[in-house]
Amino acid sequence: MKWNYKFMFVFFLGLMSVWGQDHQDALILKILLSKHYENEKVIVKNRLQFLSFYCSKAPNNEETYEVINKNPAVKPFAEELKKQINTQLVEDWSNEFHEIFDNQNQYLKSKVNNCLSLDEFHKVSKRYNDNNQRLMIVSKPMYFGKKYCLVKVVFYRNIEHNYGCFYLLEEKNHQWTIIDALNEWST
């Protein structure tokens, strides 16, 4: 009988940590969407959307090592961050989209509209034959030090003028805030 209680406790503890991680990812995503869609127009009456959101969570790759080595703020947490690098990640943002946009944040949703795959983005870009289309790609957030998060955001275009950076976020009083942009680059 005691074994069943222990099993149930461990099961619910695991379930709570998974839900908590998704909830934190949704909070991080909302901050990033609010920041980057702030100056975008609301999508109505087939208005062309200039900034689209990529549906999949981009995997964290070896570029994270460079961020760790160059920045003294994250260097003490190198081992914790390196364990989260997973180039084989296959996840999407659908759960977080539902949490952010179901029954709330409708003004932001009218700007973000829907997420696109890379193929869908290329089709939209070719249809309008315009080079002002951007695709916002957000990596899976990496949490460390109990109150910090590192997340990579990249803006992709069919032509040059791509841009990317890692955002360092901090949680204070259950609110995430961007405290720095690390390793910014553009082409």
Protein backbone atom coordinates (compact mmCIF):
# COMPACT_ATOMS: atom_id res chain seq x y z
CA MET A 1 0.00 0.00 0.00
CA LYS A 2 2.80 2.41 0.83
CA TRP A 3 4.37 1.74 -2.58
CA ASN A 4 1.20 2.96 -4.32
CA TYR A 5 1.24 6.24 -2.39
CA LYS A 6 4.89 6.79 -3.25
CA PHE A 7 4.23 6.04 -6.90
CA MET A 8 1.26 8.44 -6.99
CA PHE A 9 3.29 11.17 -5.29
CA VAL A 10 6.16 10.83 -7.78
CA PHE A 11 3.71 10.70 -10.71
CA PHE A 12 1.94 13.91 -9.66
CA LEU A 13 5.23 15.63 -8.90
CA GLY A 14 6.44 14.81 -12.42
CA LEU A 15 3.16 15.96 -13.92
CA MET A 16 3.36 19.28 -12.05
CA SER A 17 6.93 19.90 -13.24
CA VAL A 18 5.97 19.25 -16.88
CA TRP A 19 2.97 21.60 -16.62
CA GLY A 20 5.13 24.19 -14.87
CA GLN A 21 7.72 24.06 -17.64
CA ASP A 22 5.08 24.54 -20.35
CA HIS A 23 3.53 27.39 -18.35
CA GLN A 24 6.93 29.10 -18.03
CA ASP A 25 7.54 28.61 -21.78
CA ALA A 26 4.19 30.32 -22.46
CA LEU A 27 5.12 33.28 -20.27
CA ILE A 28 8.48 33.62 -22.04
CA LEU A 29 6.84 33.35 -25.47
CA LYS A 30 4.26 36.01 -24.58
CA ILE A 31 7.03 38.44 -23.61
CA LEU A 32 8.91 37.80 -26.86
CA LEU A 33 5.81 38.10 -29.02
CA SER A 34 4.75 41.31 -27.26
CA LYS A 35 8.20 42.80 -27.78
CA HIS A 36 8.60 41.94 -31.45
CA TYR A 37 4.99 42.38 -32.58
CA GLU A 38 4.60 45.71 -30.80
CA ASN A 39 4.96 47.76 -34.00
CA GLU A 40 3.21 45.30 -36.34
CA LYS A 41 -0.23 46.08 -37.72
CA VAL A 42 -3.32 44.08 -36.86
CA ILE A 43 -4.11 41.51 -39.57
CA VAL A 44 -7.58 42.23 -41.00
CA LYS A 45 -9.21 41.97 -44.43
CA ASN A 46 -6.36 39.93 -45.98
CA ARG A 47 -3.76 42.51 -45.01
CA LEU A 48 -0.27 41.22 -45.74
CA GLN A 49 1.50 40.06 -42.60
CA PHE A 50 5.12 41.17 -42.58
CA LEU A 51 6.20 39.21 -39.50
CA SER A 52 5.24 35.55 -39.22
CA PHE A 53 5.91 33.16 -36.38
CA TYR A 54 7.58 29.76 -36.91
CA CYS A 55 5.48 26.94 -35.40
CA SER A 56 8.31 24.68 -34.20
CA LYS A 57 10.58 25.27 -31.25
CA ALA A 58 14.06 25.61 -32.69
CA PRO A 59 16.52 23.25 -31.02
CA ASN A 60 19.34 24.70 -28.98
CA ASN A 61 22.61 23.95 -30.70
CA GLU A 62 26.35 24.47 -30.40
CA GLU A 63 25.95 28.23 -30.83
CA THR A 64 24.92 28.23 -27.17
CA TYR A 65 28.51 27.31 -26.21
CA GLU A 66 29.71 30.59 -27.69
CA VAL A 67 27.14 32.53 -25.64
CA ILE A 68 28.23 30.72 -22.48
CA ASN A 69 31.93 31.32 -23.08
CA LYS A 70 31.59 35.01 -24.01
CA ASN A 71 29.22 36.21 -21.31
CA PRO A 72 30.21 36.34 -17.65
CA ALA A 73 26.55 36.47 -16.55
CA VAL A 74 25.85 32.96 -17.86
CA LYS A 75 29.31 31.39 -17.56
CA PRO A 76 28.81 30.21 -13.94
CA PHE A 77 25.83 28.15 -15.16
CA ALA A 78 27.69 26.49 -18.05
CA GLU A 79 27.08 22.89 -16.98
CA GLU A 80 23.39 23.48 -16.34
CA LEU A 81 22.95 25.09 -19.78
CA LYS A 82 25.03 22.52 -21.66
CA LYS A 83 22.75 19.74 -20.40
CA GLN A 84 19.83 21.46 -22.14
CA ILE A 85 21.41 21.56 -25.59
CA ASN A 86 19.44 19.15 -27.75
CA THR A 87 19.84 19.34 -31.51
CA GLN A 88 17.24 16.58 -32.04
CA LEU A 89 14.34 18.50 -30.46
CA VAL A 90 10.96 18.00 -32.10
CA GLU A 91 8.44 20.23 -30.30
CA ASP A 92 6.12 23.00 -31.37
CA TRP A 93 4.57 26.06 -29.75
CA SER A 94 0.92 24.93 -30.04
CA ASN A 95 0.37 24.33 -26.29
CA GLU A 96 1.87 27.71 -25.45
CA PHE A 97 -0.17 29.41 -28.21
CA HIS A 98 -3.35 27.97 -26.69
CA GLU A 99 -2.37 29.08 -23.20
CA ILE A 100 -1.54 32.61 -24.36
CA PHE A 101 -4.42 33.18 -26.77
CA ASP A 102 -7.40 31.13 -25.58
CA ASN A 103 -9.82 33.72 -24.14
CA GLN A 104 -7.10 36.35 -23.58
CA ASN A 105 -4.54 38.56 -25.35
CA GLN A 106 -6.78 38.90 -28.42
CA TYR A 107 -5.14 42.13 -29.58
CA LEU A 108 -1.73 40.42 -29.65
CA LYS A 109 -3.29 37.40 -31.39
CA SER A 110 -4.66 39.68 -34.12
CA LYS A 111 -1.08 40.75 -34.84
CA VAL A 112 0.55 37.32 -34.57
CA ASN A 113 -2.26 35.62 -36.49
CA ASN A 114 -1.17 31.99 -37.05
CA CYS A 115 2.19 30.32 -37.01
CA LEU A 116 3.75 29.04 -40.24
CA SER A 117 6.05 26.22 -41.25
CA LEU A 118 9.12 27.10 -43.33
CA ASP A 119 7.42 25.83 -46.51
CA GLU A 120 4.32 27.94 -45.82
CA PHE A 121 6.51 30.98 -45.24
CA HIS A 122 8.26 30.47 -48.59
CA LYS A 123 4.89 30.12 -50.37
CA VAL A 124 3.62 33.38 -48.87
CA SER A 125 6.85 35.17 -49.78
CA LYS A 126 6.75 33.91 -53.38
CA ARG A 127 3.05 34.74 -53.77
CA TYR A 128 3.59 38.39 -52.96
CA ASN A 129 7.06 38.49 -54.55
CA ASP A 130 8.11 40.91 -51.86
CA ASN A 131 11.25 40.83 -49.74
CA ASN A 132 9.78 42.47 -46.64
CA GLN A 133 8.56 39.17 -45.17
CA ARG A 134 10.22 37.97 -41.93
CA LEU A 135 9.90 34.72 -40.02
CA MET A 136 10.44 34.87 -36.25
CA ILE A 137 12.05 31.64 -35.01
CA VAL A 138 12.22 31.06 -31.25
CA SER A 139 14.29 28.31 -29.67
CA LYS A 140 13.28 26.22 -26.70
CA PRO A 141 13.89 28.29 -23.56
CA MET A 142 16.74 27.11 -21.32
CA TYR A 143 16.15 27.73 -17.61
CA PHE A 144 19.04 28.01 -15.18
CA GLY A 145 20.02 29.38 -11.80
CA LYS A 146 16.41 29.09 -10.51
CA LYS A 147 15.47 32.53 -11.87
CA TYR A 148 17.09 32.96 -15.30
CA CYS A 149 16.22 31.93 -18.82
CA LEU A 150 18.19 32.01 -22.06
CA VAL A 151 16.30 31.89 -25.35
CA LYS A 152 17.47 32.39 -28.92
CA VAL A 153 15.36 34.48 -31.33
CA VAL A 154 16.15 34.66 -35.04
CA PHE A 155 14.49 36.64 -37.82
CA TYR A 156 14.79 34.91 -41.18
CA ARG A 157 14.19 36.40 -44.62
CA ASN A 158 14.43 34.88 -48.09
CA ILE A 159 17.08 37.47 -48.82
CA GLU A 160 19.89 38.71 -46.63
CA HIS A 161 19.38 41.02 -43.64
CA ASN A 162 18.71 38.22 -41.19
CA TYR A 163 19.08 38.97 -37.49
CA GLY A 164 19.39 36.98 -34.28
CA CYS A 165 20.33 37.14 -30.62
CA PHE A 166 20.00 35.33 -27.33
CA TYR A 167 17.78 37.01 -24.77
CA LEU A 168 18.68 36.71 -21.11
CA LEU A 169 15.54 36.90 -18.97
CA GLU A 170 15.16 37.08 -15.22
CA GLU A 171 12.17 36.17 -13.08
CA LYS A 172 11.33 38.63 -10.31
CA ASN A 173 8.12 38.38 -8.32
CA HIS A 174 6.72 35.78 -10.77
CA GLN A 175 7.29 38.16 -13.73
CA TRP A 176 9.83 37.48 -16.49
CA THR A 177 11.73 40.47 -17.88
CA ILE A 178 14.36 40.74 -20.59
CA ILE A 179 17.56 41.98 -18.99
CA ASP A 180 20.00 41.67 -21.90
CA ALA A 181 20.44 40.69 -25.55
CA LEU A 182 23.55 38.53 -25.98
CA ASN A 183 25.56 37.66 -29.10
CA GLU A 184 23.57 39.81 -31.49
CA TRP A 185 24.35 39.22 -35.16
CA SER A 186 23.00 40.29 -38.52
CA THR A 187 23.77 39.56 -42.18
